[in-house]
Amino acid sequence: MQEKVIAHRVVTPLSYATLLVPIAGLIIALVTLDLRFLIYTHVITGGTWTGIDLFMGLVMTRVMKGLHPDSRTEVVKRLVPLLLFFMPILAGVAITSGVTLAQLYNILDFRHPMIVIATAIVAILTIQGYGIIMPNEIRIYRELRKESPDKDKIVRLGLRNFRVAGSQAIFQLAIIYVMANLRLGILNPF
């Protein structure tokens, strides 16, 4: 019974608060069309998303391998709110603000190879994030809510997500390269 009480507290009011800040930033940027604030929103959410994915892929996979299974379960349980709530919001805000910037700068032209490459990378990131990581996080959350959670399943799904996050980091670094080339090749300095 103790497990269920602890598992029920996996999602806290702070988990929900993490949703509001990036969304509020995006809404303010879109309503005001303040380019600096929109760029800031895009860079801060994209950079945070990339940094967390790098950390998950490079650090957490190695840390988790050295932990006792009970400790692994506890780590995954504590990361569920971040991965289930915050990461999809970061990704959505980064993508939405990036597409909006491309439209505002009038460079969303699919005849340009860098735009096509950026779109392909965003598609891969979206499929990984919303098609693999998020469903696994929902499975983990449901498992944690059970009377007797299957710790092996929790750890297996958590490690899978850490690995996918690591591959996302590679694609995010690639899109940063593409965006830098877009900035230098298409846009005049702002």
N, C-alpha and C. Protein backbone atom coordinates (compact mmCIF):
# COMPACT_ATOMS: atom_id res chain seq x y z
N MET A 1 0.83 -1.20 0.00
CA MET A 1 0.00 0.00 0.00
C MET A 1 0.87 1.26 0.00
N GLN A 2 1.98 1.21 0.71
CA GLN A 2 2.91 2.34 0.76
C GLN A 2 3.36 2.74 -0.64
N GLU A 3 3.62 1.73 -1.51
CA GLU A 3 4.07 2.00 -2.89
C GLU A 3 3.07 2.88 -3.63
N LYS A 4 1.77 2.57 -3.48
CA LYS A 4 0.74 3.31 -4.21
C LYS A 4 0.68 4.76 -3.76
N VAL A 5 0.79 5.00 -2.48
CA VAL A 5 0.77 6.37 -1.95
C VAL A 5 1.94 7.16 -2.52
N ILE A 6 3.12 6.56 -2.50
CA ILE A 6 4.30 7.24 -3.03
C ILE A 6 4.15 7.45 -4.54
N ALA A 7 3.69 6.41 -5.26
CA ALA A 7 3.53 6.52 -6.71
C ALA A 7 2.51 7.57 -7.07
N HIS A 8 1.47 7.71 -6.26
CA HIS A 8 0.43 8.69 -6.55
C HIS A 8 0.99 10.11 -6.51
N ARG A 9 2.04 10.35 -5.74
CA ARG A 9 2.63 11.68 -5.62
C ARG A 9 3.71 11.94 -6.66
N VAL A 10 3.81 11.08 -7.65
CA VAL A 10 4.79 11.28 -8.72
C VAL A 10 4.52 12.59 -9.43
N VAL A 11 3.25 12.90 -9.65
CA VAL A 11 2.87 14.14 -10.31
C VAL A 11 2.36 15.10 -9.23
N THR A 12 3.01 16.24 -9.13
CA THR A 12 2.70 17.22 -8.09
C THR A 12 2.19 18.51 -8.75
N PRO A 13 1.72 19.46 -7.95
CA PRO A 13 1.33 20.75 -8.54
C PRO A 13 2.48 21.42 -9.31
N LEU A 14 3.71 21.21 -8.86
CA LEU A 14 4.86 21.76 -9.58
C LEU A 14 4.97 21.16 -10.99
N SER A 15 4.58 19.89 -11.12
CA SER A 15 4.58 19.26 -12.44
C SER A 15 3.70 20.04 -13.41
N TYR A 16 2.55 20.46 -12.93
CA TYR A 16 1.64 21.22 -13.77
C TYR A 16 2.16 22.63 -14.01
N ALA A 17 2.84 23.19 -13.05
CA ALA A 17 3.39 24.54 -13.20
C ALA A 17 4.45 24.57 -14.31
N THR A 18 5.17 23.47 -14.48
CA THR A 18 6.20 23.43 -15.53
C THR A 18 5.59 23.58 -16.92
N LEU A 19 4.31 23.29 -17.03
CA LEU A 19 3.63 23.45 -18.32
C LEU A 19 3.39 24.91 -18.66
N LEU A 20 3.16 25.72 -17.64
CA LEU A 20 2.67 27.07 -17.86
C LEU A 20 3.73 28.05 -18.35
N VAL A 21 4.93 27.97 -17.85
CA VAL A 21 5.96 28.97 -18.18
C VAL A 21 6.29 28.98 -19.68
N PRO A 22 6.65 27.84 -20.28
CA PRO A 22 6.95 27.89 -21.72
C PRO A 22 5.74 28.28 -22.57
N ILE A 23 4.57 27.77 -22.20
CA ILE A 23 3.37 28.10 -22.97
C ILE A 23 3.06 29.59 -22.86
N ALA A 24 3.17 30.14 -21.65
CA ALA A 24 2.93 31.58 -21.46
C ALA A 24 3.92 32.40 -22.28
N GLY A 25 5.18 32.00 -22.28
CA GLY A 25 6.19 32.69 -23.08
C GLY A 25 5.85 32.68 -24.56
N LEU A 26 5.42 31.51 -25.04
CA LEU A 26 5.05 31.40 -26.46
C LEU A 26 3.84 32.28 -26.77
N ILE A 27 2.83 32.23 -25.93
CA ILE A 27 1.63 33.04 -26.18
C ILE A 27 1.96 34.52 -26.20
N ILE A 28 2.76 34.97 -25.24
CA ILE A 28 3.14 36.39 -25.21
C ILE A 28 3.91 36.75 -26.48
N ALA A 29 4.85 35.90 -26.88
CA ALA A 29 5.65 36.17 -28.08
C ALA A 29 4.77 36.20 -29.33
N LEU A 30 3.80 35.30 -29.41
CA LEU A 30 2.94 35.25 -30.60
C LEU A 30 1.96 36.41 -30.64
N VAL A 31 1.44 36.79 -29.49
CA VAL A 31 0.47 37.90 -29.45
C VAL A 31 1.15 39.23 -29.75
N THR A 32 2.32 39.43 -29.17
CA THR A 32 3.02 40.71 -29.36
C THR A 32 3.83 40.74 -30.66
N LEU A 33 4.14 39.57 -31.20
CA LEU A 33 5.04 39.44 -32.36
C LEU A 33 6.35 40.20 -32.15
N ASP A 34 6.79 40.21 -30.91
CA ASP A 34 8.08 40.79 -30.56
C ASP A 34 9.15 39.80 -31.00
N LEU A 35 9.90 40.13 -32.04
CA LEU A 35 10.88 39.20 -32.60
C LEU A 35 11.94 38.79 -31.60
N ARG A 36 12.41 39.73 -30.80
CA ARG A 36 13.44 39.37 -29.82
C ARG A 36 12.90 38.37 -28.80
N PHE A 37 11.68 38.60 -28.35
CA PHE A 37 11.09 37.68 -27.37
C PHE A 37 10.79 36.33 -28.02
N LEU A 38 10.37 36.33 -29.27
CA LEU A 38 10.11 35.09 -29.98
C LEU A 38 11.41 34.31 -30.19
N ILE A 39 12.46 35.01 -30.57
CA ILE A 39 13.78 34.36 -30.72
C ILE A 39 14.23 33.81 -29.37
N TYR A 40 14.09 34.61 -28.33
CA TYR A 40 14.47 34.17 -26.99
C TYR A 40 13.68 32.91 -26.60
N THR A 41 12.37 32.93 -26.82
CA THR A 41 11.54 31.78 -26.49
C THR A 41 12.00 30.55 -27.25
N HIS A 42 12.29 30.71 -28.53
CA HIS A 42 12.75 29.60 -29.36
C HIS A 42 14.10 29.06 -28.87
N VAL A 43 15.02 29.96 -28.63
CA VAL A 43 16.37 29.54 -28.23
C VAL A 43 16.38 28.92 -26.84
N ILE A 44 15.66 29.52 -25.89
CA ILE A 44 15.69 29.00 -24.52
C ILE A 44 14.99 27.64 -24.43
N THR A 45 13.85 27.48 -25.13
CA THR A 45 13.17 26.18 -25.06
C THR A 45 13.92 25.12 -25.87
N GLY A 46 14.42 25.50 -27.04
CA GLY A 46 15.20 24.55 -27.84
C GLY A 46 16.50 24.16 -27.16
N GLY A 47 17.17 25.14 -26.55
CA GLY A 47 18.43 24.86 -25.85
C GLY A 47 18.21 24.00 -24.61
N THR A 48 17.14 24.26 -23.90
CA THR A 48 16.83 23.46 -22.71
C THR A 48 16.48 22.04 -23.12
N TRP A 49 15.69 21.91 -24.17
CA TRP A 49 15.32 20.59 -24.69
C TRP A 49 16.58 19.82 -25.10
N THR A 50 17.46 20.46 -25.83
CA THR A 50 18.70 19.82 -26.26
C THR A 50 19.57 19.45 -25.07
N GLY A 51 19.72 20.36 -24.12
CA GLY A 51 20.55 20.09 -22.95
C GLY A 51 20.04 18.92 -22.12
N ILE A 52 18.74 18.87 -21.91
CA ILE A 52 18.16 17.76 -21.14
C ILE A 52 18.36 16.45 -21.88
N ASP A 53 18.14 16.46 -23.20
CA ASP A 53 18.35 15.23 -23.97
C ASP A 53 19.80 14.77 -23.94
N LEU A 54 20.73 15.71 -24.05
CA LEU A 54 22.15 15.34 -23.95
C LEU A 54 22.45 14.73 -22.59
N PHE A 55 21.93 15.35 -21.54
CA PHE A 55 22.14 14.84 -20.19
C PHE A 55 21.55 13.43 -20.05
N MET A 56 20.34 13.25 -20.51
CA MET A 56 19.68 11.94 -20.39
C MET A 56 20.46 10.88 -21.17
N GLY A 57 20.83 11.21 -22.39
CA GLY A 57 21.50 10.24 -23.24
C GLY A 57 22.93 9.93 -22.83
N LEU A 58 23.67 10.96 -22.47
CA LEU A 58 25.10 10.76 -22.16
C LEU A 58 25.36 10.42 -20.70
N VAL A 59 24.60 10.99 -19.80
CA VAL A 59 24.88 10.83 -18.38
C VAL A 59 23.96 9.79 -17.72
N MET A 60 22.67 9.97 -17.89
CA MET A 60 21.73 9.13 -17.14
C MET A 60 21.79 7.66 -17.53
N THR A 61 22.04 7.35 -18.81
CA THR A 61 22.13 5.94 -19.18
C THR A 61 23.28 5.27 -18.44
N ARG A 62 24.39 5.96 -18.29
CA ARG A 62 25.54 5.39 -17.58
C ARG A 62 25.30 5.33 -16.07
N VAL A 63 24.68 6.35 -15.52
CA VAL A 63 24.38 6.37 -14.09
C VAL A 63 23.43 5.23 -13.75
N MET A 64 22.40 5.07 -14.56
CA MET A 64 21.38 4.05 -14.27
C MET A 64 21.95 2.65 -14.30
N LYS A 65 22.90 2.38 -15.18
CA LYS A 65 23.48 1.04 -15.27
C LYS A 65 24.19 0.65 -13.98
N GLY A 66 24.70 1.63 -13.24
CA GLY A 66 25.44 1.34 -12.02
C GLY A 66 24.59 1.29 -10.76
N LEU A 67 23.30 1.54 -10.89
CA LEU A 67 22.43 1.59 -9.71
C LEU A 67 21.73 0.26 -9.46
N HIS A 68 21.39 0.04 -8.20
CA HIS A 68 20.57 -1.10 -7.79
C HIS A 68 19.18 -0.92 -8.42
N PRO A 69 18.51 -2.01 -8.80
CA PRO A 69 17.18 -1.89 -9.44
C PRO A 69 16.18 -1.02 -8.67
N ASP A 70 16.16 -1.08 -7.34
CA ASP A 70 15.25 -0.23 -6.57
C ASP A 70 15.60 1.24 -6.75
N SER A 71 16.88 1.54 -6.78
CA SER A 71 17.33 2.93 -6.99
C SER A 71 17.00 3.40 -8.40
N ARG A 72 17.14 2.50 -9.37
CA ARG A 72 16.78 2.84 -10.75
C ARG A 72 15.31 3.23 -10.83
N THR A 73 14.48 2.43 -10.18
CA THR A 73 13.04 2.70 -10.19
C THR A 73 12.76 4.06 -9.58
N GLU A 74 13.42 4.37 -8.47
CA GLU A 74 13.21 5.66 -7.80
C GLU A 74 13.64 6.82 -8.69
N VAL A 75 14.77 6.67 -9.38
CA VAL A 75 15.24 7.73 -10.28
C VAL A 75 14.23 7.95 -11.41
N VAL A 76 13.79 6.87 -12.03
CA VAL A 76 12.82 6.98 -13.13
C VAL A 76 11.54 7.62 -12.62
N LYS A 77 11.09 7.21 -11.44
CA LYS A 77 9.86 7.77 -10.87
C LYS A 77 9.98 9.28 -10.68
N ARG A 78 11.12 9.74 -10.26
CA ARG A 78 11.31 11.17 -10.03
C ARG A 78 11.46 11.95 -11.34
N LEU A 79 11.86 11.27 -12.41
CA LEU A 79 11.99 11.94 -13.71
C LEU A 79 10.69 11.96 -14.50
N VAL A 80 9.72 11.14 -14.10
CA VAL A 80 8.46 11.07 -14.86
C VAL A 80 7.81 12.43 -15.06
N PRO A 81 7.67 13.27 -14.01
CA PRO A 81 7.03 14.57 -14.27
C PRO A 81 7.78 15.41 -15.30
N LEU A 82 9.10 15.39 -15.24
CA LEU A 82 9.89 16.15 -16.21
C LEU A 82 9.65 15.64 -17.62
N LEU A 83 9.75 14.34 -17.77
CA LEU A 83 9.65 13.77 -19.11
C LEU A 83 8.22 13.73 -19.63
N LEU A 84 7.26 13.56 -18.75
CA LEU A 84 5.87 13.44 -19.18
C LEU A 84 5.22 14.79 -19.43
N PHE A 85 5.61 15.79 -18.67
CA PHE A 85 4.97 17.10 -18.78
C PHE A 85 5.85 18.15 -19.45
N PHE A 86 7.03 18.35 -18.90
CA PHE A 86 7.88 19.47 -19.32
C PHE A 86 8.47 19.27 -20.72
N MET A 87 8.99 18.09 -21.01
CA MET A 87 9.68 17.88 -22.28
C MET A 87 8.76 18.04 -23.51
N PRO A 88 7.54 17.48 -23.50
CA PRO A 88 6.68 17.70 -24.67
C PRO A 88 6.33 19.18 -24.86
N ILE A 89 6.19 19.90 -23.75
CA ILE A 89 5.89 21.32 -23.85
C ILE A 89 7.09 22.07 -24.42
N LEU A 90 8.29 21.76 -23.91
CA LEU A 90 9.50 22.40 -24.45
C LEU A 90 9.61 22.15 -25.95
N ALA A 91 9.40 20.90 -26.35
CA ALA A 91 9.51 20.55 -27.77
C ALA A 91 8.47 21.30 -28.59
N GLY A 92 7.24 21.29 -28.12
CA GLY A 92 6.17 21.96 -28.86
C GLY A 92 6.38 23.45 -28.99
N VAL A 93 6.85 24.08 -27.90
CA VAL A 93 7.09 25.53 -27.94
C VAL A 93 8.29 25.84 -28.83
N ALA A 94 9.35 25.04 -28.74
CA ALA A 94 10.53 25.27 -29.58
C ALA A 94 10.17 25.14 -31.06
N ILE A 95 9.43 24.10 -31.39
CA ILE A 95 9.05 23.88 -32.79
C ILE A 95 8.11 24.99 -33.28
N THR A 96 7.08 25.30 -32.49
CA THR A 96 6.11 26.33 -32.89
C THR A 96 6.78 27.68 -33.06
N SER A 97 7.63 28.06 -32.12
CA SER A 97 8.30 29.35 -32.23
C SER A 97 9.28 29.36 -33.40
N GLY A 98 9.92 28.23 -33.68
CA GLY A 98 10.84 28.15 -34.81
C GLY A 98 10.13 28.28 -36.15
N VAL A 99 9.01 27.60 -36.28
CA VAL A 99 8.23 27.70 -37.52
C VAL A 99 7.70 29.13 -37.68
N THR A 100 7.25 29.72 -36.59
CA THR A 100 6.76 31.10 -36.64
C THR A 100 7.87 32.05 -37.08
N LEU A 101 9.06 31.88 -36.55
CA LEU A 101 10.20 32.72 -36.96
C LEU A 101 10.49 32.53 -38.45
N ALA A 102 10.47 31.30 -38.90
CA ALA A 102 10.72 31.05 -40.33
C ALA A 102 9.67 31.74 -41.20
N GLN A 103 8.43 31.73 -40.75
CA GLN A 103 7.37 32.42 -41.49
C GLN A 103 7.57 33.93 -41.45
N LEU A 104 7.89 34.46 -40.27
CA LEU A 104 8.07 35.91 -40.15
C LEU A 104 9.26 36.41 -40.97
N TYR A 105 10.30 35.60 -41.05
CA TYR A 105 11.47 35.98 -41.85
C TYR A 105 11.30 35.57 -43.32
N ASN A 106 10.16 35.01 -43.63
CA ASN A 106 9.82 34.64 -45.00
C ASN A 106 10.85 33.68 -45.60
N ILE A 107 11.29 32.70 -44.81
CA ILE A 107 12.25 31.71 -45.31
C ILE A 107 11.68 30.30 -45.30
N LEU A 108 10.40 30.17 -45.00
CA LEU A 108 9.78 28.85 -44.98
C LEU A 108 9.48 28.44 -46.43
N ASP A 109 10.56 28.21 -47.16
CA ASP A 109 10.48 27.89 -48.58
C ASP A 109 11.07 26.49 -48.78
N PHE A 110 10.23 25.54 -49.15
CA PHE A 110 10.66 24.15 -49.26
C PHE A 110 11.49 23.87 -50.51
N ARG A 111 11.79 24.90 -51.27
CA ARG A 111 12.73 24.75 -52.38
C ARG A 111 14.16 24.89 -51.87
N HIS A 112 14.32 25.42 -50.66
CA HIS A 112 15.65 25.59 -50.07
C HIS A 112 16.04 24.30 -49.34
N PRO A 113 17.20 23.71 -49.67
CA PRO A 113 17.59 22.43 -49.08
C PRO A 113 17.68 22.46 -47.54
N MET A 114 18.12 23.57 -46.97
CA MET A 114 18.25 23.63 -45.52
C MET A 114 16.88 23.60 -44.83
N ILE A 115 15.87 24.17 -45.47
CA ILE A 115 14.51 24.13 -44.92
C ILE A 115 13.99 22.69 -44.97
N VAL A 116 14.27 22.00 -46.07
CA VAL A 116 13.85 20.60 -46.20
C VAL A 116 14.54 19.75 -45.14
N ILE A 117 15.84 19.96 -44.95
CA ILE A 117 16.59 19.20 -43.95
C ILE A 117 16.05 19.51 -42.55
N ALA A 118 15.81 20.78 -42.26
CA ALA A 118 15.27 21.17 -40.95
C ALA A 118 13.91 20.51 -40.72
N THR A 119 13.07 20.50 -41.73
CA THR A 119 11.74 19.88 -41.61
C THR A 119 11.86 18.38 -41.35
N ALA A 120 12.78 17.73 -42.05
CA ALA A 120 12.98 16.28 -41.85
C ALA A 120 13.46 16.00 -40.43
N ILE A 121 14.38 16.81 -39.94
CA ILE A 121 14.88 16.62 -38.57
C ILE A 121 13.76 16.85 -37.56
N VAL A 122 12.98 17.89 -37.75
CA VAL A 122 11.86 18.16 -36.84
C VAL A 122 10.87 17.00 -36.87
N ALA A 123 10.64 16.44 -38.04
CA ALA A 123 9.72 15.29 -38.15
C ALA A 123 10.26 14.10 -37.34
N ILE A 124 11.56 13.84 -37.46
CA ILE A 124 12.17 12.74 -36.71
C ILE A 124 12.05 13.00 -35.21
N LEU A 125 12.38 14.22 -34.77
CA LEU A 125 12.29 14.57 -33.35
C LEU A 125 10.86 14.43 -32.84
N THR A 126 9.91 14.84 -33.64
CA THR A 126 8.50 14.76 -33.25
C THR A 126 8.05 13.31 -33.11
N ILE A 127 8.43 12.48 -34.06
CA ILE A 127 8.07 11.06 -34.01
C ILE A 127 8.71 10.40 -32.79
N GLN A 128 9.98 10.69 -32.55
CA GLN A 128 10.65 10.11 -31.38
C GLN A 128 10.00 10.58 -30.08
N GLY A 129 9.78 11.88 -29.98
CA GLY A 129 9.27 12.44 -28.73
C GLY A 129 7.84 12.06 -28.43
N TYR A 130 6.97 12.31 -29.40
CA TYR A 130 5.55 12.06 -29.17
C TYR A 130 5.14 10.63 -29.50
N GLY A 131 5.95 9.92 -30.28
CA GLY A 131 5.60 8.56 -30.67
C GLY A 131 6.28 7.47 -29.87
N ILE A 132 7.43 7.79 -29.25
CA ILE A 132 8.16 6.77 -28.47
C ILE A 132 8.28 7.19 -27.01
N ILE A 133 8.90 8.35 -26.77
CA ILE A 133 9.18 8.76 -25.38
C ILE A 133 7.89 8.99 -24.60
N MET A 134 6.99 9.79 -25.14
CA MET A 134 5.78 10.12 -24.39
C MET A 134 4.92 8.89 -24.08
N PRO A 135 4.66 8.00 -25.05
CA PRO A 135 3.90 6.79 -24.71
C PRO A 135 4.59 5.94 -23.63
N ASN A 136 5.93 5.85 -23.68
CA ASN A 136 6.64 5.12 -22.64
C ASN A 136 6.48 5.78 -21.28
N GLU A 137 6.52 7.11 -21.25
CA GLU A 137 6.33 7.82 -19.99
C GLU A 137 4.94 7.58 -19.42
N ILE A 138 3.95 7.52 -20.30
CA ILE A 138 2.59 7.22 -19.84
C ILE A 138 2.53 5.80 -19.28
N ARG A 139 3.20 4.86 -19.93
CA ARG A 139 3.27 3.48 -19.42
C ARG A 139 3.95 3.44 -18.06
N ILE A 140 5.04 4.19 -17.93
CA ILE A 140 5.75 4.23 -16.64
C ILE A 140 4.84 4.81 -15.57
N TYR A 141 4.20 5.91 -15.89
CA TYR A 141 3.30 6.56 -14.93
C TYR A 141 2.19 5.61 -14.50
N ARG A 142 1.57 4.92 -15.44
CA ARG A 142 0.52 3.96 -15.10
C ARG A 142 1.06 2.83 -14.23
N GLU A 143 2.26 2.38 -14.56
CA GLU A 143 2.86 1.30 -13.76
C GLU A 143 3.14 1.77 -12.34
N LEU A 144 3.63 3.00 -12.20
CA LEU A 144 3.91 3.54 -10.87
C LEU A 144 2.65 3.68 -10.02
N ARG A 145 1.52 3.84 -10.65
CA ARG A 145 0.25 4.01 -9.93
C ARG A 145 -0.32 2.69 -9.43
N LYS A 146 0.22 1.58 -9.90
CA LYS A 146 -0.29 0.27 -9.50
C LYS A 146 0.07 -0.04 -8.05
N GLU A 147 -0.72 -0.92 -7.47
CA GLU A 147 -0.50 -1.39 -6.10
C GLU A 147 0.91 -1.97 -5.95
N SER A 148 1.32 -2.81 -6.92
CA SER A 148 2.66 -3.42 -6.92
C SER A 148 3.30 -3.17 -8.28
N PRO A 149 3.98 -2.03 -8.44
CA PRO A 149 4.57 -1.71 -9.74
C PRO A 149 5.64 -2.72 -10.15
N ASP A 150 5.70 -3.01 -11.44
CA ASP A 150 6.73 -3.88 -12.00
C ASP A 150 7.99 -3.04 -12.21
N LYS A 151 8.93 -3.16 -11.27
CA LYS A 151 10.13 -2.33 -11.31
C LYS A 151 10.98 -2.59 -12.55
N ASP A 152 11.03 -3.85 -12.99
CA ASP A 152 11.80 -4.16 -14.19
C ASP A 152 11.24 -3.44 -15.41
N LYS A 153 9.92 -3.42 -15.52
CA LYS A 153 9.27 -2.73 -16.64
C LYS A 153 9.55 -1.23 -16.57
N ILE A 154 9.47 -0.66 -15.38
CA ILE A 154 9.73 0.77 -15.19
C ILE A 154 11.15 1.11 -15.63
N VAL A 155 12.10 0.33 -15.17
CA VAL A 155 13.51 0.58 -15.50
C VAL A 155 13.76 0.36 -16.99
N ARG A 156 13.19 -0.70 -17.57
CA ARG A 156 13.38 -0.99 -18.99
C ARG A 156 12.86 0.16 -19.86
N LEU A 157 11.64 0.62 -19.56
CA LEU A 157 11.06 1.72 -20.32
C LEU A 157 11.84 3.02 -20.10
N GLY A 158 12.26 3.25 -18.85
CA GLY A 158 13.04 4.46 -18.54
C GLY A 158 14.36 4.48 -19.29
N LEU A 159 15.07 3.36 -19.30
CA LEU A 159 16.34 3.29 -20.02
C LEU A 159 16.14 3.46 -21.52
N ARG A 160 15.05 2.90 -22.04
CA ARG A 160 14.76 3.07 -23.47
C ARG A 160 14.58 4.55 -23.77
N ASN A 161 13.86 5.24 -22.91
CA ASN A 161 13.65 6.68 -23.13
C ASN A 161 14.95 7.46 -23.04
N PHE A 162 15.82 7.09 -22.12
CA PHE A 162 17.10 7.78 -22.01
C PHE A 162 17.89 7.62 -23.30
N ARG A 163 17.87 6.41 -23.87
CA ARG A 163 18.60 6.17 -25.12
C ARG A 163 18.00 6.96 -26.28
N VAL A 164 16.67 6.98 -26.36
CA VAL A 164 16.02 7.74 -27.43
C VAL A 164 16.33 9.22 -27.26
N ALA A 165 16.32 9.70 -26.00
CA ALA A 165 16.66 11.10 -25.73
C ALA A 165 18.08 11.40 -26.20
N GLY A 166 18.98 10.45 -26.02
CA GLY A 166 20.35 10.63 -26.50
C GLY A 166 20.41 10.75 -28.00
N SER A 167 19.62 9.95 -28.71
CA SER A 167 19.61 10.07 -30.17
C SER A 167 18.94 11.37 -30.59
N GLN A 168 17.95 11.83 -29.80
CA GLN A 168 17.33 13.12 -30.10
C GLN A 168 18.37 14.24 -30.00
N ALA A 169 19.25 14.12 -29.04
CA ALA A 169 20.28 15.15 -28.88
C ALA A 169 21.13 15.27 -30.14
N ILE A 170 21.42 14.14 -30.76
CA ILE A 170 22.20 14.16 -32.01
C ILE A 170 21.44 14.93 -33.10
N PHE A 171 20.14 14.65 -33.23
CA PHE A 171 19.33 15.35 -34.22
C PHE A 171 19.20 16.84 -33.87
N GLN A 172 19.13 17.15 -32.58
CA GLN A 172 19.03 18.55 -32.17
C GLN A 172 20.31 19.30 -32.48
N LEU A 173 21.45 18.66 -32.26
CA LEU A 173 22.71 19.30 -32.63
C LEU A 173 22.77 19.51 -34.15
N ALA A 174 22.24 18.55 -34.89
CA ALA A 174 22.21 18.69 -36.35
C ALA A 174 21.31 19.86 -36.76
N ILE A 175 20.18 20.01 -36.11
CA ILE A 175 19.28 21.11 -36.50
C ILE A 175 19.86 22.46 -36.09
N ILE A 176 20.63 22.49 -35.02
CA ILE A 176 21.31 23.74 -34.65
C ILE A 176 22.30 24.13 -35.75
N TYR A 177 23.01 23.14 -36.29
CA TYR A 177 23.91 23.39 -37.41
C TYR A 177 23.14 23.92 -38.62
N VAL A 178 22.02 23.29 -38.92
CA VAL A 178 21.18 23.71 -40.04
C VAL A 178 20.69 25.14 -39.82
N MET A 179 20.22 25.43 -38.62
CA MET A 179 19.71 26.79 -38.33
C MET A 179 20.82 27.83 -38.43
N ALA A 180 22.01 27.48 -37.98
CA ALA A 180 23.13 28.42 -38.10
C ALA A 180 23.42 28.70 -39.57
N ASN A 181 23.36 27.67 -40.40
CA ASN A 181 23.56 27.87 -41.84
C ASN A 181 22.44 28.68 -42.46
N LEU A 182 21.21 28.45 -42.00
CA LEU A 182 20.10 29.26 -42.48
C LEU A 182 20.33 30.72 -42.11
N ARG A 183 20.74 30.95 -40.90
CA ARG A 183 20.97 32.31 -40.41
C ARG A 183 22.06 32.99 -41.22
N LEU A 184 23.13 32.27 -41.49
CA LEU A 184 24.24 32.87 -42.22
C LEU A 184 24.01 32.90 -43.74
N GLY A 185 23.24 31.94 -44.24
CA GLY A 185 23.08 31.84 -45.67
C GLY A 185 21.86 32.56 -46.24
N ILE A 186 20.79 32.63 -45.47
CA ILE A 186 19.55 33.20 -46.00
C ILE A 186 19.26 34.56 -45.41
N LEU A 187 19.40 34.67 -44.12
CA LEU A 187 18.99 35.90 -43.44
C LEU A 187 20.08 36.95 -43.46
N ASN A 188 19.70 38.17 -43.56
CA ASN A 188 20.63 39.27 -43.34
C ASN A 188 20.73 39.45 -41.82
N PRO A 189 21.85 39.99 -41.34
CA PRO A 189 21.96 40.18 -39.89
C PRO A 189 20.80 41.04 -39.37
N PHE A 190 20.29 40.63 -38.20
CA PHE A 190 19.20 41.44 -37.61
C PHE A 190 19.66 42.20 -36.41
